Amino acid sequence: MKFAGIIHLEQNGRIVFPTGLRQSLNILPGDSLELFIDSGCIHIRRYTPTCILCGEINDITPYKGRNICFECLAEIQNIWPMQEHKIAL
C-alpha cells in the first residue's frame, strides 16, 4: 500500500481529499466511493456496482434498490415463467 498523504476530519465530519490526489485518481465531484473497515483501518475505493447474486460488473440494472445483472434476471424470469411474475425494468 502506498502512502498518499494526511487528511483531516472537518468539524461537520466531512473528509476532504487533496486536489492533487483527486486529480491523480480521476475522482470527480459526485463520484461514489465505498468504505470498508478491516482491523481498525478504513479502506476507500471507487464504487463499482455489482450484481447482488453473482458479483458480475457488466450489464447491471437497478431493481428495487439492488443491482442485478441481465443474466441473473433472465434466469429468475425462467424460474417464474408466468407473465405476472416477470420483473419489469
N, C-alpha and C. Protein backbone atom coordinates (compact mmCIF):
# COMPACT_ATOMS: atom_id res chain seq x y z
N MET A 1 0.85 -1.17 0.00
CA MET A 1 0.00 0.00 0.00
C MET A 1 0.90 1.23 0.00
N LYS A 2 0.54 2.23 -0.78
CA LYS A 2 1.35 3.43 -0.94
C LYS A 2 0.78 4.58 -0.10
N PHE A 3 1.65 5.28 0.64
CA PHE A 3 1.23 6.44 1.42
C PHE A 3 0.82 7.56 0.47
N ALA A 4 -0.36 8.17 0.73
CA ALA A 4 -0.88 9.19 -0.17
C ALA A 4 -1.03 10.55 0.50
N GLY A 5 -0.72 10.67 1.78
CA GLY A 5 -0.83 11.95 2.46
C GLY A 5 -1.70 11.84 3.70
N ILE A 6 -1.88 12.97 4.34
CA ILE A 6 -2.69 13.06 5.56
C ILE A 6 -3.87 13.97 5.28
N ILE A 7 -5.04 13.55 5.69
CA ILE A 7 -6.24 14.38 5.56
C ILE A 7 -6.84 14.56 6.95
N HIS A 8 -7.62 15.61 7.11
CA HIS A 8 -8.21 15.92 8.41
C HIS A 8 -9.73 15.85 8.33
N LEU A 9 -10.33 15.44 9.42
CA LEU A 9 -11.78 15.41 9.53
C LEU A 9 -12.26 16.81 9.88
N GLU A 10 -13.17 17.36 9.09
CA GLU A 10 -13.71 18.69 9.36
C GLU A 10 -14.68 18.65 10.53
N GLN A 11 -15.06 19.82 11.04
CA GLN A 11 -15.99 19.93 12.17
C GLN A 11 -17.29 19.17 11.94
N ASN A 12 -17.80 19.20 10.70
CA ASN A 12 -19.07 18.57 10.39
C ASN A 12 -18.92 17.09 10.02
N GLY A 13 -17.69 16.54 10.13
CA GLY A 13 -17.47 15.13 9.88
C GLY A 13 -17.06 14.78 8.46
N ARG A 14 -16.92 15.78 7.62
CA ARG A 14 -16.52 15.53 6.23
C ARG A 14 -15.02 15.31 6.13
N ILE A 15 -14.67 14.49 5.14
CA ILE A 15 -13.27 14.28 4.79
C ILE A 15 -13.06 14.91 3.43
N VAL A 16 -12.05 15.74 3.31
CA VAL A 16 -11.74 16.38 2.04
C VAL A 16 -10.42 15.80 1.53
N PHE A 17 -10.45 15.27 0.32
CA PHE A 17 -9.25 14.74 -0.30
C PHE A 17 -8.53 15.86 -1.03
N PRO A 18 -7.21 15.94 -0.90
CA PRO A 18 -6.46 17.00 -1.60
C PRO A 18 -6.70 16.95 -3.10
N THR A 19 -6.69 18.12 -3.72
CA THR A 19 -6.95 18.24 -5.15
C THR A 19 -6.03 17.35 -5.97
N GLY A 20 -4.75 17.34 -5.66
CA GLY A 20 -3.79 16.54 -6.42
C GLY A 20 -4.12 15.06 -6.37
N LEU A 21 -4.54 14.58 -5.21
CA LEU A 21 -4.92 13.17 -5.07
C LEU A 21 -6.16 12.85 -5.89
N ARG A 22 -7.17 13.74 -5.80
CA ARG A 22 -8.40 13.53 -6.59
C ARG A 22 -8.09 13.53 -8.08
N GLN A 23 -7.24 14.44 -8.51
CA GLN A 23 -6.91 14.52 -9.94
C GLN A 23 -6.14 13.29 -10.39
N SER A 24 -5.18 12.83 -9.58
CA SER A 24 -4.38 11.67 -9.99
C SER A 24 -5.22 10.40 -10.05
N LEU A 25 -6.28 10.33 -9.24
CA LEU A 25 -7.16 9.15 -9.24
C LEU A 25 -8.42 9.37 -10.08
N ASN A 26 -8.52 10.55 -10.73
CA ASN A 26 -9.67 10.90 -11.55
C ASN A 26 -10.98 10.78 -10.77
N ILE A 27 -10.97 11.29 -9.53
CA ILE A 27 -12.18 11.31 -8.70
C ILE A 27 -12.83 12.67 -8.91
N LEU A 28 -14.08 12.65 -9.34
CA LEU A 28 -14.80 13.88 -9.65
C LEU A 28 -15.90 14.12 -8.63
N PRO A 29 -16.32 15.39 -8.44
CA PRO A 29 -17.44 15.65 -7.53
C PRO A 29 -18.65 14.82 -7.94
N GLY A 30 -19.29 14.19 -6.98
CA GLY A 30 -20.46 13.35 -7.24
C GLY A 30 -20.13 11.89 -7.42
N ASP A 31 -18.83 11.53 -7.59
CA ASP A 31 -18.45 10.12 -7.70
C ASP A 31 -18.75 9.40 -6.39
N SER A 32 -19.11 8.15 -6.47
CA SER A 32 -19.38 7.34 -5.28
C SER A 32 -18.14 6.53 -4.92
N LEU A 33 -17.86 6.49 -3.63
CA LEU A 33 -16.74 5.72 -3.10
C LEU A 33 -17.28 4.77 -2.05
N GLU A 34 -16.66 3.60 -1.91
CA GLU A 34 -17.06 2.62 -0.90
C GLU A 34 -16.07 2.68 0.25
N LEU A 35 -16.58 2.49 1.47
CA LEU A 35 -15.74 2.44 2.66
C LEU A 35 -15.77 1.04 3.24
N PHE A 36 -14.62 0.54 3.63
CA PHE A 36 -14.50 -0.76 4.28
C PHE A 36 -13.67 -0.60 5.53
N ILE A 37 -13.99 -1.34 6.57
CA ILE A 37 -13.21 -1.33 7.79
C ILE A 37 -12.62 -2.72 7.97
N ASP A 38 -11.30 -2.77 8.21
CA ASP A 38 -10.59 -4.03 8.39
C ASP A 38 -9.51 -3.84 9.44
N SER A 39 -9.64 -4.53 10.56
CA SER A 39 -8.65 -4.46 11.64
C SER A 39 -8.34 -3.02 12.05
N GLY A 40 -9.37 -2.20 12.19
CA GLY A 40 -9.18 -0.83 12.63
C GLY A 40 -8.73 0.13 11.55
N CYS A 41 -8.60 -0.32 10.32
CA CYS A 41 -8.20 0.54 9.20
C CYS A 41 -9.40 0.80 8.29
N ILE A 42 -9.46 2.00 7.75
CA ILE A 42 -10.51 2.36 6.81
C ILE A 42 -9.92 2.29 5.41
N HIS A 43 -10.57 1.54 4.54
CA HIS A 43 -10.15 1.43 3.14
C HIS A 43 -11.23 2.09 2.29
N ILE A 44 -10.81 2.88 1.33
CA ILE A 44 -11.74 3.59 0.44
C ILE A 44 -11.41 3.20 -0.99
N ARG A 45 -12.44 2.87 -1.77
CA ARG A 45 -12.22 2.59 -3.18
C ARG A 45 -13.41 3.11 -3.98
N ARG A 46 -13.17 3.29 -5.26
CA ARG A 46 -14.24 3.74 -6.16
C ARG A 46 -15.36 2.69 -6.16
N TYR A 47 -16.58 3.16 -6.10
CA TYR A 47 -17.74 2.25 -6.09
C TYR A 47 -17.98 1.72 -7.49
N THR A 48 -18.08 0.41 -7.59
CA THR A 48 -18.43 -0.26 -8.84
C THR A 48 -19.66 -1.11 -8.57
N PRO A 49 -20.80 -0.77 -9.19
CA PRO A 49 -22.00 -1.57 -8.95
C PRO A 49 -21.80 -3.01 -9.42
N THR A 50 -22.23 -3.97 -8.61
CA THR A 50 -22.13 -5.38 -8.95
C THR A 50 -23.48 -6.06 -8.71
N CYS A 51 -23.68 -7.16 -9.39
CA CYS A 51 -24.90 -7.95 -9.22
C CYS A 51 -24.91 -8.55 -7.81
N ILE A 52 -26.03 -8.43 -7.12
CA ILE A 52 -26.12 -8.97 -5.75
C ILE A 52 -26.13 -10.49 -5.73
N LEU A 53 -26.39 -11.11 -6.87
CA LEU A 53 -26.48 -12.57 -6.91
C LEU A 53 -25.17 -13.23 -7.34
N CYS A 54 -24.50 -12.67 -8.35
CA CYS A 54 -23.31 -13.35 -8.88
C CYS A 54 -22.04 -12.50 -8.83
N GLY A 55 -22.16 -11.21 -8.55
CA GLY A 55 -21.00 -10.35 -8.48
C GLY A 55 -20.55 -9.75 -9.80
N GLU A 56 -21.26 -10.03 -10.87
CA GLU A 56 -20.92 -9.51 -12.20
C GLU A 56 -20.91 -7.98 -12.18
N ILE A 57 -20.02 -7.36 -12.97
CA ILE A 57 -19.97 -5.90 -13.02
C ILE A 57 -20.48 -5.33 -14.35
N ASN A 58 -20.75 -6.19 -15.32
CA ASN A 58 -21.25 -5.74 -16.62
C ASN A 58 -22.76 -5.95 -16.73
N ASP A 59 -23.40 -5.11 -17.52
CA ASP A 59 -24.85 -5.23 -17.79
C ASP A 59 -25.66 -5.25 -16.51
N ILE A 60 -25.42 -4.28 -15.63
CA ILE A 60 -26.11 -4.18 -14.34
C ILE A 60 -27.29 -3.22 -14.46
N THR A 61 -28.39 -3.57 -13.83
CA THR A 61 -29.55 -2.68 -13.77
C THR A 61 -30.07 -2.66 -12.34
N PRO A 62 -30.54 -1.50 -11.87
CA PRO A 62 -31.10 -1.46 -10.52
C PRO A 62 -32.51 -2.04 -10.51
N TYR A 63 -32.83 -2.78 -9.45
CA TYR A 63 -34.18 -3.32 -9.25
C TYR A 63 -34.50 -3.25 -7.76
N LYS A 64 -35.48 -2.45 -7.40
CA LYS A 64 -35.92 -2.28 -6.01
C LYS A 64 -34.74 -1.98 -5.07
N GLY A 65 -33.89 -1.05 -5.49
CA GLY A 65 -32.78 -0.62 -4.66
C GLY A 65 -31.57 -1.54 -4.65
N ARG A 66 -31.59 -2.58 -5.46
CA ARG A 66 -30.47 -3.52 -5.56
C ARG A 66 -30.03 -3.61 -7.01
N ASN A 67 -28.80 -4.02 -7.23
CA ASN A 67 -28.28 -4.20 -8.59
C ASN A 67 -28.34 -5.66 -8.98
N ILE A 68 -28.78 -5.91 -10.21
CA ILE A 68 -28.85 -7.28 -10.72
C ILE A 68 -28.41 -7.26 -12.18
N CYS A 69 -27.68 -8.29 -12.60
CA CYS A 69 -27.22 -8.34 -13.99
C CYS A 69 -28.33 -8.97 -14.85
N PHE A 70 -28.23 -8.73 -16.15
CA PHE A 70 -29.25 -9.23 -17.07
C PHE A 70 -29.28 -10.76 -17.12
N GLU A 71 -28.13 -11.39 -16.94
CA GLU A 71 -28.08 -12.86 -16.96
C GLU A 71 -28.86 -13.45 -15.78
N CYS A 72 -28.66 -12.91 -14.58
CA CYS A 72 -29.40 -13.40 -13.41
C CYS A 72 -30.88 -13.07 -13.54
N LEU A 73 -31.17 -11.89 -14.08
CA LEU A 73 -32.56 -11.51 -14.30
C LEU A 73 -33.24 -12.49 -15.24
N ALA A 74 -32.57 -12.88 -16.32
CA ALA A 74 -33.13 -13.85 -17.26
C ALA A 74 -33.34 -15.20 -16.59
N GLU A 75 -32.41 -15.62 -15.74
CA GLU A 75 -32.55 -16.88 -15.01
C GLU A 75 -33.78 -16.85 -14.11
N ILE A 76 -33.94 -15.73 -13.40
CA ILE A 76 -35.09 -15.60 -12.50
C ILE A 76 -36.39 -15.66 -13.30
N GLN A 77 -36.41 -15.00 -14.44
CA GLN A 77 -37.63 -15.00 -15.26
C GLN A 77 -37.93 -16.39 -15.81
N ASN A 78 -36.89 -17.21 -16.02
CA ASN A 78 -37.12 -18.59 -16.46
C ASN A 78 -37.64 -19.46 -15.33
N ILE A 79 -37.27 -19.16 -14.10
CA ILE A 79 -37.76 -19.92 -12.94
C ILE A 79 -39.24 -19.65 -12.75
N TRP A 80 -39.65 -18.38 -12.89
CA TRP A 80 -41.05 -18.00 -12.77
C TRP A 80 -41.56 -17.56 -14.13
N PRO A 81 -41.93 -18.51 -14.98
CA PRO A 81 -42.29 -18.16 -16.36
C PRO A 81 -43.63 -17.45 -16.52
N MET A 82 -44.48 -17.47 -15.50
CA MET A 82 -45.78 -16.83 -15.67
C MET A 82 -45.59 -15.32 -15.78
N GLN A 83 -46.31 -14.70 -16.69
CA GLN A 83 -46.14 -13.28 -17.01
C GLN A 83 -46.26 -12.38 -15.78
N GLU A 84 -47.18 -12.66 -14.86
CA GLU A 84 -47.37 -11.76 -13.71
C GLU A 84 -46.18 -11.77 -12.76
N HIS A 85 -45.30 -12.76 -12.87
CA HIS A 85 -44.13 -12.82 -12.02
C HIS A 85 -42.88 -12.26 -12.69
N LYS A 86 -42.98 -11.91 -13.96
CA LYS A 86 -41.82 -11.37 -14.67
C LYS A 86 -41.46 -10.01 -14.09
N ILE A 87 -40.18 -9.72 -14.02
CA ILE A 87 -39.70 -8.48 -13.47
C ILE A 87 -39.65 -7.44 -14.58
N ALA A 88 -40.34 -6.34 -14.37
CA ALA A 88 -40.35 -5.26 -15.36
C ALA A 88 -39.27 -4.27 -15.02
N LEU A 89 -38.51 -3.86 -16.02
CA LEU A 89 -37.44 -2.87 -15.82
C LEU A 89 -37.88 -1.52 -16.29
